[in-house]
Amino acid sequence: MLLAGLAAVPITFTTGCAVTQHRETAGRYVDDKSVSTRVKTSLYRDPIVKGTQVNVNTFQGVVQLSGFVDNQAQKDRAGEIAQQTRGVTSVRNDIVVPTGR
């Protein structure tokens, strides 16, 4: 029973990774992480966008922005920053601007 449980551990920890599912190479994964880091750093430095409120995920050069910001200008600016970042092929801006405030 213990051996069966230990044998299942590697399968459990590798099933969610895009690299192990052959959707993305290890090199591309590293590139995507670098792109996400550059976008996130630029968001933190920008005086308009609250970088702590925006999540950044990158897959094969496509950046997805998510989270909540205070207004449309912040959402638009976050999209501009992401689009201008080296290595970004396209941007999905899924940031939510609350209504009814």
PDB file of N, CA and C in Angstrom:
ATOM      1  N   MET A   1       0.831  -1.185   0.000  1.00  0.00           N
ATOM      2  CA  MET A   1       0.000   0.000   0.000  1.00  0.00           C
ATOM      3  C   MET A   1       0.882   1.258   0.000  1.00  0.00           C
ATOM      4  N   LEU A   2       1.913   1.232   0.839  1.00  0.00           N
ATOM      5  CA  LEU A   2       2.820   2.369   0.917  1.00  0.00           C
ATOM      6  C   LEU A   2       3.557   2.569  -0.399  1.00  0.00           C
ATOM      7  N   LEU A   3       4.000   1.489  -1.011  1.00  0.00           N
ATOM      8  CA  LEU A   3       4.698   1.587  -2.288  1.00  0.00           C
ATOM      9  C   LEU A   3       3.792   2.129  -3.384  1.00  0.00           C
ATOM     10  N   ALA A   4       2.545   1.708  -3.388  1.00  0.00           N
ATOM     11  CA  ALA A   4       1.600   2.205  -4.390  1.00  0.00           C
ATOM     12  C   ALA A   4       1.383   3.703  -4.209  1.00  0.00           C
ATOM     13  N   GLY A   5       1.303   4.148  -2.965  1.00  0.00           N
ATOM     14  CA  GLY A   5       1.122   5.566  -2.686  1.00  0.00           C
ATOM     15  C   GLY A   5       2.324   6.380  -3.111  1.00  0.00           C
ATOM     16  N   LEU A   6       3.515   5.867  -2.842  1.00  0.00           N
ATOM     17  CA  LEU A   6       4.727   6.570  -3.234  1.00  0.00           C
ATOM     18  C   LEU A   6       4.908   6.600  -4.751  1.00  0.00           C
ATOM     19  N   ALA A   7       4.464   5.555  -5.421  1.00  0.00           N
ATOM     20  CA  ALA A   7       4.573   5.516  -6.881  1.00  0.00           C
ATOM     21  C   ALA A   7       3.650   6.541  -7.530  1.00  0.00           C
ATOM     22  N   ALA A   8       2.558   6.884  -6.881  1.00  0.00           N
ATOM     23  CA  ALA A   8       1.592   7.833  -7.436  1.00  0.00           C
ATOM     24  C   ALA A   8       2.032   9.286  -7.259  1.00  0.00           C
ATOM     25  N   VAL A   9       2.972   9.552  -6.358  1.00  0.00           N
ATOM     26  CA  VAL A   9       3.387  10.929  -6.081  1.00  0.00           C
ATOM     27  C   VAL A   9       3.932  11.633  -7.322  1.00  0.00           C
ATOM     28  N   PRO A  10       4.875  11.042  -8.086  1.00  0.00           N
ATOM     29  CA  PRO A  10       5.363  11.759  -9.271  1.00  0.00           C
ATOM     30  C   PRO A  10       4.274  12.059 -10.287  1.00  0.00           C
ATOM     31  N   ILE A  11       3.335  11.163 -10.450  1.00  0.00           N
ATOM     32  CA  ILE A  11       2.238  11.381 -11.394  1.00  0.00           C
ATOM     33  C   ILE A  11       1.372  12.542 -10.932  1.00  0.00           C
ATOM     34  N   THR A  12       1.113  12.598  -9.647  1.00  0.00           N
ATOM     35  CA  THR A  12       0.267  13.644  -9.093  1.00  0.00           C
ATOM     36  C   THR A  12       0.882  15.020  -9.288  1.00  0.00           C
ATOM     37  N   PHE A  13       2.185  15.144  -9.076  1.00  0.00           N
ATOM     38  CA  PHE A  13       2.824  16.449  -9.146  1.00  0.00           C
ATOM     39  C   PHE A  13       3.198  16.875 -10.554  1.00  0.00           C
ATOM     40  N   THR A  14       3.110  16.023 -11.543  1.00  0.00           N
ATOM     41  CA  THR A  14       3.497  16.404 -12.899  1.00  0.00           C
ATOM     42  C   THR A  14       2.321  16.523 -13.857  1.00  0.00           C
ATOM     43  N   THR A  15       1.140  16.161 -13.465  1.00  0.00           N
ATOM     44  CA  THR A  15       0.015  16.172 -14.399  1.00  0.00           C
ATOM     45  C   THR A  15      -0.454  17.569 -14.756  1.00  0.00           C
ATOM     46  N   GLY A  16      -0.238  18.578 -13.910  1.00  0.00           N
ATOM     47  CA  GLY A  16      -0.725  19.919 -14.193  1.00  0.00           C
ATOM     48  C   GLY A  16       0.250  20.792 -14.949  1.00  0.00           C
ATOM     49  N   CYS A  17       1.443  20.360 -15.160  1.00  0.00           N
ATOM     50  CA  CYS A  17       2.470  21.192 -15.781  1.00  0.00           C
ATOM     51  C   CYS A  17       2.391  21.107 -17.299  1.00  0.00           C
ATOM     52  N   ALA A  18       2.390  22.258 -17.957  1.00  0.00           N
ATOM     53  CA  ALA A  18       2.296  22.296 -19.420  1.00  0.00           C
ATOM     54  C   ALA A  18       3.494  21.623 -20.079  1.00  0.00           C
ATOM     55  N   VAL A  19       4.655  21.680 -19.433  1.00  0.00           N
ATOM     56  CA  VAL A  19       5.848  21.062 -20.005  1.00  0.00           C
ATOM     57  C   VAL A  19       5.691  19.553 -20.048  1.00  0.00           C
ATOM     58  N   THR A  20       5.203  18.968 -18.951  1.00  0.00           N
ATOM     59  CA  THR A  20       5.073  17.516 -18.914  1.00  0.00           C
ATOM     60  C   THR A  20       3.925  17.013 -19.774  1.00  0.00           C
ATOM     61  N   GLN A  21       3.009  17.872 -20.130  1.00  0.00           N
ATOM     62  CA  GLN A  21       1.907  17.477 -21.004  1.00  0.00           C
ATOM     63  C   GLN A  21       2.227  17.767 -22.469  1.00  0.00           C
ATOM     64  N   HIS A  22       3.466  18.139 -22.752  1.00  0.00           N
ATOM     65  CA  HIS A  22       3.955  18.387 -24.107  1.00  0.00           C
ATOM     66  C   HIS A  22       3.204  19.509 -24.825  1.00  0.00           C
ATOM     67  N   ARG A  23       2.648  20.436 -24.067  1.00  0.00           N
ATOM     68  CA  ARG A  23       2.023  21.606 -24.673  1.00  0.00           C
ATOM     69  C   ARG A  23       3.027  22.736 -24.804  1.00  0.00           C
ATOM     70  N   GLU A  24       4.126  22.646 -24.044  1.00  0.00           N
ATOM     71  CA  GLU A  24       5.098  23.720 -24.017  1.00  0.00           C
ATOM     72  C   GLU A  24       6.468  23.109 -23.703  1.00  0.00           C
ATOM     73  N   THR A  25       7.499  23.552 -24.408  1.00  0.00           N
ATOM     74  CA  THR A  25       8.841  23.049 -24.132  1.00  0.00           C
ATOM     75  C   THR A  25       9.384  23.710 -22.866  1.00  0.00           C
ATOM     76  N   ALA A  26      10.415  23.123 -22.310  1.00  0.00           N
ATOM     77  CA  ALA A  26      11.027  23.690 -21.107  1.00  0.00           C
ATOM     78  C   ALA A  26      11.578  25.080 -21.402  1.00  0.00           C
ATOM     79  N   GLY A  27      12.176  25.268 -22.582  1.00  0.00           N
ATOM     80  CA  GLY A  27      12.696  26.585 -22.959  1.00  0.00           C
ATOM     81  C   GLY A  27      11.602  27.620 -23.074  1.00  0.00           C
ATOM     82  N   ARG A  28      10.491  27.238 -23.669  1.00  0.00           N
ATOM     83  CA  ARG A  28       9.359  28.160 -23.826  1.00  0.00           C
ATOM     84  C   ARG A  28       8.774  28.498 -22.459  1.00  0.00           C
ATOM     85  N   TYR A  29       8.729  27.511 -21.561  1.00  0.00           N
ATOM     86  CA  TYR A  29       8.219  27.734 -20.210  1.00  0.00           C
ATOM     87  C   TYR A  29       9.056  28.803 -19.502  1.00  0.00           C
ATOM     88  N   VAL A  30      10.384  28.700 -19.630  1.00  0.00           N
ATOM     89  CA  VAL A  30      11.276  29.678 -19.022  1.00  0.00           C
ATOM     90  C   VAL A  30      11.069  31.045 -19.663  1.00  0.00           C
ATOM     91  N   ASP A  31      10.923  31.086 -20.986  1.00  0.00           N
ATOM     92  CA  ASP A  31      10.661  32.355 -21.677  1.00  0.00           C
ATOM     93  C   ASP A  31       9.363  32.985 -21.177  1.00  0.00           C
ATOM     94  N   ASP A  32       8.327  32.166 -21.039  1.00  0.00           N
ATOM     95  CA  ASP A  32       7.040  32.679 -20.562  1.00  0.00           C
ATOM     96  C   ASP A  32       7.140  33.226 -19.144  1.00  0.00           C
ATOM     97  N   LYS A  33       7.899  32.549 -18.295  1.00  0.00           N
ATOM     98  CA  LYS A  33       8.087  33.044 -16.928  1.00  0.00           C
ATOM     99  C   LYS A  33       8.816  34.392 -16.953  1.00  0.00           C
ATOM    100  N   SER A  34       9.787  34.531 -17.849  1.00  0.00           N
ATOM    101  CA  SER A  34      10.517  35.792 -17.978  1.00  0.00           C
ATOM    102  C   SER A  34       9.590  36.912 -18.448  1.00  0.00           C
ATOM    103  N   VAL A  35       8.729  36.600 -19.405  1.00  0.00           N
ATOM    104  CA  VAL A  35       7.765  37.593 -19.897  1.00  0.00           C
ATOM    105  C   VAL A  35       6.843  38.026 -18.760  1.00  0.00           C
ATOM    106  N   SER A  36       6.314  37.067 -18.021  1.00  0.00           N
ATOM    107  CA  SER A  36       5.429  37.396 -16.896  1.00  0.00           C
ATOM    108  C   SER A  36       6.129  38.297 -15.892  1.00  0.00           C
ATOM    109  N   THR A  37       7.383  38.000 -15.614  1.00  0.00           N
ATOM    110  CA  THR A  37       8.156  38.800 -14.659  1.00  0.00           C
ATOM    111  C   THR A  37       8.358  40.218 -15.170  1.00  0.00           C
ATOM    112  N   ARG A  38       8.674  40.365 -16.462  1.00  0.00           N
ATOM    113  CA  ARG A  38       8.861  41.708 -17.029  1.00  0.00           C
ATOM    114  C   ARG A  38       7.560  42.510 -16.984  1.00  0.00           C
ATOM    115  N   VAL A  39       6.456  41.866 -17.323  1.00  0.00           N
ATOM    116  CA  VAL A  39       5.166  42.561 -17.294  1.00  0.00           C
ATOM    117  C   VAL A  39       4.839  42.978 -15.866  1.00  0.00           C
ATOM    118  N   LYS A  40       4.987  42.060 -14.929  1.00  0.00           N
ATOM    119  CA  LYS A  40       4.643  42.346 -13.531  1.00  0.00           C
ATOM    120  C   LYS A  40       5.518  43.481 -12.979  1.00  0.00           C
ATOM    121  N   THR A  41       6.801  43.465 -13.310  1.00  0.00           N
ATOM    122  CA  THR A  41       7.702  44.528 -12.857  1.00  0.00           C
ATOM    123  C   THR A  41       7.270  45.877 -13.416  1.00  0.00           C
ATOM    124  N   SER A  42       6.907  45.907 -14.683  1.00  0.00           N
ATOM    125  CA  SER A  42       6.445  47.159 -15.299  1.00  0.00           C
ATOM    126  C   SER A  42       5.149  47.642 -14.662  1.00  0.00           C
ATOM    127  N   LEU A  43       4.266  46.724 -14.314  1.00  0.00           N
ATOM    128  CA  LEU A  43       3.014  47.101 -13.653  1.00  0.00           C
ATOM    129  C   LEU A  43       3.291  47.705 -12.277  1.00  0.00           C
ATOM    130  N   TYR A  44       4.232  47.118 -11.548  1.00  0.00           N
ATOM    131  CA  TYR A  44       4.583  47.660 -10.225  1.00  0.00           C
ATOM    132  C   TYR A  44       5.156  49.063 -10.329  1.00  0.00           C
ATOM    133  N   ARG A  45       5.919  49.330 -11.368  1.00  0.00           N
ATOM    134  CA  ARG A  45       6.586  50.625 -11.526  1.00  0.00           C
ATOM    135  C   ARG A  45       5.656  51.717 -12.048  1.00  0.00           C
ATOM    136  N   ASP A  46       4.549  51.326 -12.652  1.00  0.00           N
ATOM    137  CA  ASP A  46       3.660  52.303 -13.270  1.00  0.00           C
ATOM    138  C   ASP A  46       2.860  53.045 -12.199  1.00  0.00           C
ATOM    139  N   PRO A  47       2.782  54.385 -12.294  1.00  0.00           N
ATOM    140  CA  PRO A  47       2.045  55.150 -11.289  1.00  0.00           C
ATOM    141  C   PRO A  47       0.522  55.045 -11.414  1.00  0.00           C
ATOM    142  N   ILE A  48       0.022  54.595 -12.554  1.00  0.00           N
ATOM    143  CA  ILE A  48      -1.423  54.518 -12.762  1.00  0.00           C
ATOM    144  C   ILE A  48      -1.990  53.183 -12.286  1.00  0.00           C
ATOM    145  N   VAL A  49      -1.293  52.098 -12.609  1.00  0.00           N
ATOM    146  CA  VAL A  49      -1.793  50.756 -12.310  1.00  0.00           C
ATOM    147  C   VAL A  49      -1.317  50.315 -10.928  1.00  0.00           C
ATOM    148  N   LYS A  50      -2.202  49.692 -10.183  1.00  0.00           N
ATOM    149  CA  LYS A  50      -1.814  49.089  -8.908  1.00  0.00           C
ATOM    150  C   LYS A  50      -1.366  47.662  -9.204  1.00  0.00           C
ATOM    151  N   GLY A  51      -0.055  47.487  -9.366  1.00  0.00           N
ATOM    152  CA  GLY A  51       0.502  46.195  -9.766  1.00  0.00           C
ATOM    153  C   GLY A  51       0.165  45.056  -8.835  1.00  0.00           C
ATOM    154  N   THR A  52      -0.081  45.359  -7.580  1.00  0.00           N
ATOM    155  CA  THR A  52      -0.401  44.291  -6.627  1.00  0.00           C
ATOM    156  C   THR A  52      -1.795  43.711  -6.868  1.00  0.00           C
ATOM    157  N   GLN A  53      -2.621  44.415  -7.614  1.00  0.00           N
ATOM    158  CA  GLN A  53      -3.985  43.955  -7.864  1.00  0.00           C
ATOM    159  C   GLN A  53      -4.136  43.214  -9.187  1.00  0.00           C
ATOM    160  N   VAL A  54      -3.047  43.104  -9.962  1.00  0.00           N
ATOM    161  CA  VAL A  54      -3.125  42.484 -11.279  1.00  0.00           C
ATOM    162  C   VAL A  54      -2.297  41.197 -11.295  1.00  0.00           C
ATOM    163  N   ASN A  55      -2.921  40.117 -11.721  1.00  0.00           N
ATOM    164  CA  ASN A  55      -2.239  38.836 -11.883  1.00  0.00           C
ATOM    165  C   ASN A  55      -1.809  38.698 -13.344  1.00  0.00           C
ATOM    166  N   VAL A  56      -0.628  38.113 -13.552  1.00  0.00           N
ATOM    167  CA  VAL A  56      -0.080  37.961 -14.898  1.00  0.00           C
ATOM    168  C   VAL A  56       0.270  36.496 -15.121  1.00  0.00           C
ATOM    169  N   ASN A  57      -0.282  35.906 -16.175  1.00  0.00           N
ATOM    170  CA  ASN A  57       0.069  34.549 -16.594  1.00  0.00           C
ATOM    171  C   ASN A  57       0.405  34.588 -18.074  1.00  0.00           C
ATOM    172  N   THR A  58       1.437  33.835 -18.450  1.00  0.00           N
ATOM    173  CA  THR A  58       1.864  33.804 -19.847  1.00  0.00           C
ATOM    174  C   THR A  58       1.953  32.361 -20.311  1.00  0.00           C
ATOM    175  N   PHE A  59       1.424  32.099 -21.511  1.00  0.00           N
ATOM    176  CA  PHE A  59       1.526  30.785 -22.129  1.00  0.00           C
ATOM    177  C   PHE A  59       1.792  30.986 -23.611  1.00  0.00           C
ATOM    178  N   GLN A  60       2.954  30.541 -24.044  1.00  0.00           N
ATOM    179  CA  GLN A  60       3.387  30.654 -25.434  1.00  0.00           C
ATOM    180  C   GLN A  60       3.317  32.097 -25.940  1.00  0.00           C
ATOM    181  N   GLY A  61       3.741  33.025 -25.099  1.00  0.00           N
ATOM    182  CA  GLY A  61       3.795  34.432 -25.479  1.00  0.00           C
ATOM    183  C   GLY A  61       2.499  35.203 -25.306  1.00  0.00           C
ATOM    184  N   VAL A  62       1.414  34.510 -25.006  1.00  0.00           N
ATOM    185  CA  VAL A  62       0.124  35.168 -24.800  1.00  0.00           C
ATOM    186  C   VAL A  62      -0.017  35.487 -23.306  1.00  0.00           C
ATOM    187  N   VAL A  63      -0.159  36.769 -22.996  1.00  0.00           N
ATOM    188  CA  VAL A  63      -0.269  37.213 -21.612  1.00  0.00           C
ATOM    189  C   VAL A  63      -1.735  37.361 -21.248  1.00  0.00           C
ATOM    190  N   GLN A  64      -2.094  36.784 -20.104  1.00  0.00           N
ATOM    191  CA  GLN A  64      -3.447  36.961 -19.576  1.00  0.00           C
ATOM    192  C   GLN A  64      -3.340  37.796 -18.304  1.00  0.00           C
ATOM    193  N   LEU A  65      -4.058  38.896 -18.302  1.00  0.00           N
ATOM    194  CA  LEU A  65      -4.128  39.761 -17.134  1.00  0.00           C
ATOM    195  C   LEU A  65      -5.454  39.504 -16.427  1.00  0.00           C
ATOM    196  N   SER A  66      -5.419  39.396 -15.116  1.00  0.00           N
ATOM    197  CA  SER A  66      -6.649  39.206 -14.346  1.00  0.00           C
ATOM    198  C   SER A  66      -6.512  39.953 -13.024  1.00  0.00           C
ATOM    199  N   GLY A  67      -7.593  40.039 -12.310  1.00  0.00           N
ATOM    200  CA  GLY A  67      -7.609  40.753 -11.037  1.00  0.00           C
ATOM    201  C   GLY A  67      -8.628  41.876 -11.077  1.00  0.00           C
ATOM    202  N   PHE A  68      -8.528  42.772 -10.124  1.00  0.00           N
ATOM    203  CA  PHE A  68      -9.478  43.873  -9.997  1.00  0.00           C
ATOM    204  C   PHE A  68      -8.721  45.193  -9.902  1.00  0.00           C
ATOM    205  N   VAL A  69      -9.193  46.199 -10.615  1.00  0.00           N
ATOM    206  CA  VAL A  69      -8.648  47.551 -10.524  1.00  0.00           C
ATOM    207  C   VAL A  69      -9.785  48.521 -10.266  1.00  0.00           C
ATOM    208  N   ASP A  70      -9.431  49.752  -9.946  1.00  0.00           N
ATOM    209  CA  ASP A  70     -10.441  50.736  -9.550  1.00  0.00           C
ATOM    210  C   ASP A  70     -11.206  51.358 -10.703  1.00  0.00           C
ATOM    211  N   ASN A  71     -10.564  51.466 -11.887  1.00  0.00           N
ATOM    212  CA  ASN A  71     -11.239  52.149 -12.985  1.00  0.00           C
ATOM    213  C   ASN A  71     -10.755  51.641 -14.342  1.00  0.00           C
ATOM    214  N   GLN A  72     -11.450  52.062 -15.389  1.00  0.00           N
ATOM    215  CA  GLN A  72     -11.151  51.617 -16.749  1.00  0.00           C
ATOM    216  C   GLN A  72      -9.768  52.071 -17.205  1.00  0.00           C
ATOM    217  N   ALA A  73      -9.340  53.256 -16.766  1.00  0.00           N
ATOM    218  CA  ALA A  73      -8.018  53.760 -17.155  1.00  0.00           C
ATOM    219  C   ALA A  73      -6.912  52.825 -16.660  1.00  0.00           C
ATOM    220  N   GLN A  74      -7.063  52.287 -15.454  1.00  0.00           N
ATOM    221  CA  GLN A  74      -6.071  51.354 -14.924  1.00  0.00           C
ATOM    222  C   GLN A  74      -6.068  50.056 -15.732  1.00  0.00           C
ATOM    223  N   LYS A  75      -7.234  49.576 -16.092  1.00  0.00           N
ATOM    224  CA  LYS A  75      -7.329  48.353 -16.899  1.00  0.00           C
ATOM    225  C   LYS A  75      -6.670  48.564 -18.261  1.00  0.00           C
ATOM    226  N   ASP A  76      -7.003  49.669 -18.904  1.00  0.00           N
ATOM    227  CA  ASP A  76      -6.437  49.967 -20.223  1.00  0.00           C
ATOM    228  C   ASP A  76      -4.924  50.112 -20.152  1.00  0.00           C
ATOM    229  N   ARG A  77      -4.432  50.796 -19.134  1.00  0.00           N
ATOM    230  CA  ARG A  77      -2.991  50.999 -18.982  1.00  0.00           C
ATOM    231  C   ARG A  77      -2.269  49.666 -18.758  1.00  0.00           C
ATOM    232  N   ALA A  78      -2.852  48.787 -17.974  1.00  0.00           N
ATOM    233  CA  ALA A  78      -2.240  47.476 -17.745  1.00  0.00           C
ATOM    234  C   ALA A  78      -2.121  46.705 -19.057  1.00  0.00           C
ATOM    235  N   GLY A  79      -3.143  46.794 -19.905  1.00  0.00           N
ATOM    236  CA  GLY A  79      -3.093  46.143 -21.210  1.00  0.00           C
ATOM    237  C   GLY A  79      -2.019  46.730 -22.097  1.00  0.00           C
ATOM    238  N   GLU A  80      -1.876  48.058 -22.068  1.00  0.00           N
ATOM    239  CA  GLU A  80      -0.837  48.730 -22.861  1.00  0.00           C
ATOM    240  C   GLU A  80       0.559  48.290 -22.415  1.00  0.00           C
ATOM    241  N   ILE A  81       0.762  48.253 -21.120  1.00  0.00           N
ATOM    242  CA  ILE A  81       2.063  47.852 -20.575  1.00  0.00           C
ATOM    243  C   ILE A  81       2.400  46.434 -21.008  1.00  0.00           C
ATOM    244  N   ALA A  82       1.439  45.546 -20.888  1.00  0.00           N
ATOM    245  CA  ALA A  82       1.674  44.152 -21.275  1.00  0.00           C
ATOM    246  C   ALA A  82       1.999  44.056 -22.763  1.00  0.00           C
ATOM    247  N   GLN A  83       1.244  44.752 -23.601  1.00  0.00           N
ATOM    248  CA  GLN A  83       1.440  44.683 -25.049  1.00  0.00           C
ATOM    249  C   GLN A  83       2.804  45.211 -25.470  1.00  0.00           C
ATOM    250  N   GLN A  84       3.324  46.188 -24.744  1.00  0.00           N
ATOM    251  CA  GLN A  84       4.605  46.798 -25.076  1.00  0.00           C
ATOM    252  C   GLN A  84       5.799  46.015 -24.541  1.00  0.00           C
ATOM    253  N   THR A  85       5.557  44.951 -23.808  1.00  0.00           N
ATOM    254  CA  THR A  85       6.641  44.175 -23.201  1.00  0.00           C
ATOM    255  C   THR A  85       7.242  43.211 -24.216  1.00  0.00           C
ATOM    256  N   ARG A  86       8.568  43.168 -24.237  1.00  0.00           N
ATOM    257  CA  ARG A  86       9.291  42.274 -25.150  1.00  0.00           C
ATOM    258  C   ARG A  86       8.892  40.824 -24.882  1.00  0.00           C
ATOM    259  N   GLY A  87       8.596  40.093 -25.958  1.00  0.00           N
ATOM    260  CA  GLY A  87       8.239  38.687 -25.858  1.00  0.00           C
ATOM    261  C   GLY A  87       6.746  38.410 -25.854  1.00  0.00           C
ATOM    262  N   VAL A  88       5.936  39.458 -25.754  1.00  0.00           N
ATOM    263  CA  VAL A  88       4.479  39.296 -25.719  1.00  0.00           C
ATOM    264  C   VAL A  88       3.951  39.250 -27.151  1.00  0.00           C
ATOM    265  N   THR A  89       3.205  38.197 -27.479  1.00  0.00           N
ATOM    266  CA  THR A  89       2.610  38.094 -28.809  1.00  0.00           C
ATOM    267  C   THR A  89       1.195  38.653 -28.833  1.00  0.00           C
ATOM    268  N   SER A  90       0.460  38.485 -27.743  1.00  0.00           N
ATOM    269  CA  SER A  90      -0.877  39.075 -27.622  1.00  0.00           C
ATOM    270  C   SER A  90      -1.252  39.146 -26.148  1.00  0.00           C
ATOM    271  N   VAL A  91      -2.312  39.907 -25.867  1.00  0.00           N
ATOM    272  CA  VAL A  91      -2.745  40.129 -24.486  1.00  0.00           C
ATOM    273  C   VAL A  91      -4.236  39.837 -24.364  1.00  0.00           C
ATOM    274  N   ARG A  92      -4.583  39.057 -23.349  1.00  0.00           N
ATOM    275  CA  ARG A  92      -5.989  38.857 -22.958  1.00  0.00           C
ATOM    276  C   ARG A  92      -6.184  39.650 -21.675  1.00  0.00           C
ATOM    277  N   ASN A  93      -6.881  40.754 -21.767  1.00  0.00           N
ATOM    278  CA  ASN A  93      -7.079  41.614 -20.608  1.00  0.00           C
ATOM    279  C   ASN A  93      -8.398  41.255 -19.932  1.00  0.00           C
ATOM    280  N   ASP A  94      -8.312  40.365 -18.946  1.00  0.00           N
ATOM    281  CA  ASP A  94      -9.497  39.917 -18.213  1.00  0.00           C
ATOM    282  C   ASP A  94      -9.629  40.603 -16.864  1.00  0.00           C
ATOM    283  N   ILE A  95      -9.012  41.775 -16.720  1.00  0.00           N
ATOM    284  CA  ILE A  95      -9.111  42.534 -15.481  1.00  0.00           C
ATOM    285  C   ILE A  95     -10.542  43.023 -15.321  1.00  0.00           C
ATOM    286  N   VAL A  96     -11.023  42.996 -14.096  1.00  0.00           N
ATOM    287  CA  VAL A  96     -12.399  43.406 -13.805  1.00  0.00           C
ATOM    288  C   VAL A  96     -12.395  44.797 -13.167  1.00  0.00           C
ATOM    289  N   VAL A  97     -13.279  45.645 -13.693  1.00  0.00           N
ATOM    290  CA  VAL A  97     -13.501  46.973 -13.121  1.00  0.00           C
ATOM    291  C   VAL A  97     -14.859  46.920 -12.436  1.00  0.00           C
ATOM    292  N   PRO A  98     -14.896  47.051 -11.114  1.00  0.00           N
ATOM    293  CA  PRO A  98     -16.180  46.976 -10.402  1.00  0.00           C
ATOM    294  C   PRO A  98     -17.131  48.085 -10.862  1.00  0.00           C
ATOM    295  N   THR A  99     -18.393  47.754 -10.937  1.00  0.00           N
ATOM    296  CA  THR A  99     -19.409  48.737 -11.286  1.00  0.00           C
ATOM    297  C   THR A  99     -20.244  49.039 -10.055  1.00  0.00           C
ATOM    298  N   GLY A 100     -20.937  50.156 -10.086  1.00  0.00           N
ATOM    299  CA  GLY A 100     -21.850  50.505  -8.998  1.00  0.00           C
ATOM    300  C   GLY A 100     -21.195  51.164  -7.811  1.00  0.00           C
ATOM    301  N   ARG A 101     -20.009  51.705  -7.992  1.00  0.00           N
ATOM    302  CA  ARG A 101     -19.362  52.398  -6.873  1.00  0.00           C
ATOM    303  C   ARG A 101     -19.796  53.814  -6.796  1.00  0.00           C
TER     304      ARG A 101
END
